[in-house]
Amino acid sequence: MTISAHWQMQIEKWGTSGLTLVIFCQQNDLKYSTFCARLSEYQVRHRTLPT
């Protein structure tokens, strides 16, 4: 399964934000559990956190 461009953009935005995941999700009206699921998919594909 591939993650959508929307979620990839959000993950990369979070990676450069300096915010905790919880705060980033709150500030961007994202559901924490969904973000974590997409982040997990991203990490599997890229084997790393965004920088």
Protein backbone atom coordinates (compact mmCIF):
# COMPACT_ATOMS: atom_id res chain seq x y z
CA MET A 1 0.00 0.00 0.00
CA THR A 2 1.33 3.41 -0.87
CA ILE A 3 0.66 6.50 1.13
CA SER A 4 -1.03 9.40 -0.57
CA ALA A 5 0.79 12.57 -1.53
CA HIS A 6 -1.22 14.36 1.16
CA TRP A 7 0.09 12.13 3.92
CA GLN A 8 3.63 12.14 2.61
CA MET A 9 3.56 15.94 2.60
CA GLN A 10 2.19 16.01 6.16
CA ILE A 11 4.86 13.57 7.38
CA GLU A 12 7.65 15.57 5.79
CA LYS A 13 6.17 18.79 7.17
CA TRP A 14 6.08 17.25 10.66
CA GLY A 15 9.69 16.06 10.24
CA THR A 16 10.91 19.61 9.77
CA SER A 17 8.52 21.27 12.21
CA GLY A 18 10.35 20.54 15.44
CA LEU A 19 6.98 19.76 17.05
CA THR A 20 5.98 16.62 18.88
CA LEU A 21 3.66 14.37 16.94
CA VAL A 22 0.75 15.11 19.27
CA ILE A 23 1.12 18.89 18.97
CA PHE A 24 1.62 18.71 15.20
CA CYS A 25 -1.58 16.70 14.82
CA GLN A 26 -3.52 19.10 17.04
CA GLN A 27 -2.29 22.16 15.17
CA ASN A 28 -3.05 20.65 11.77
CA ASP A 29 -6.39 19.03 12.63
CA LEU A 30 -5.06 15.54 11.97
CA LYS A 31 -6.22 12.41 13.76
CA TYR A 32 -3.26 11.14 15.80
CA SER A 33 -3.95 7.43 15.24
CA THR A 34 -4.27 7.92 11.47
CA PHE A 35 -1.08 9.96 11.35
CA CYS A 36 0.77 7.23 13.27
CA ALA A 37 -0.47 4.59 10.82
CA ARG A 38 0.64 6.64 7.80
CA LEU A 39 3.97 7.41 9.50
CA SER A 40 4.54 3.70 10.05
CA GLU A 41 3.89 3.03 6.35
CA TYR A 42 6.25 5.87 5.44
CA GLN A 43 8.99 4.48 7.67
CA VAL A 44 8.68 1.02 6.16
CA ARG A 45 9.02 2.47 2.67
CA HIS A 46 11.82 4.89 3.48
CA ARG A 47 13.45 3.09 6.41
CA THR A 48 13.92 6.42 8.16
CA LEU A 49 12.18 9.45 9.61
CA PRO A 50 11.99 12.49 7.40
CA THR A 51 14.76 15.00 8.00
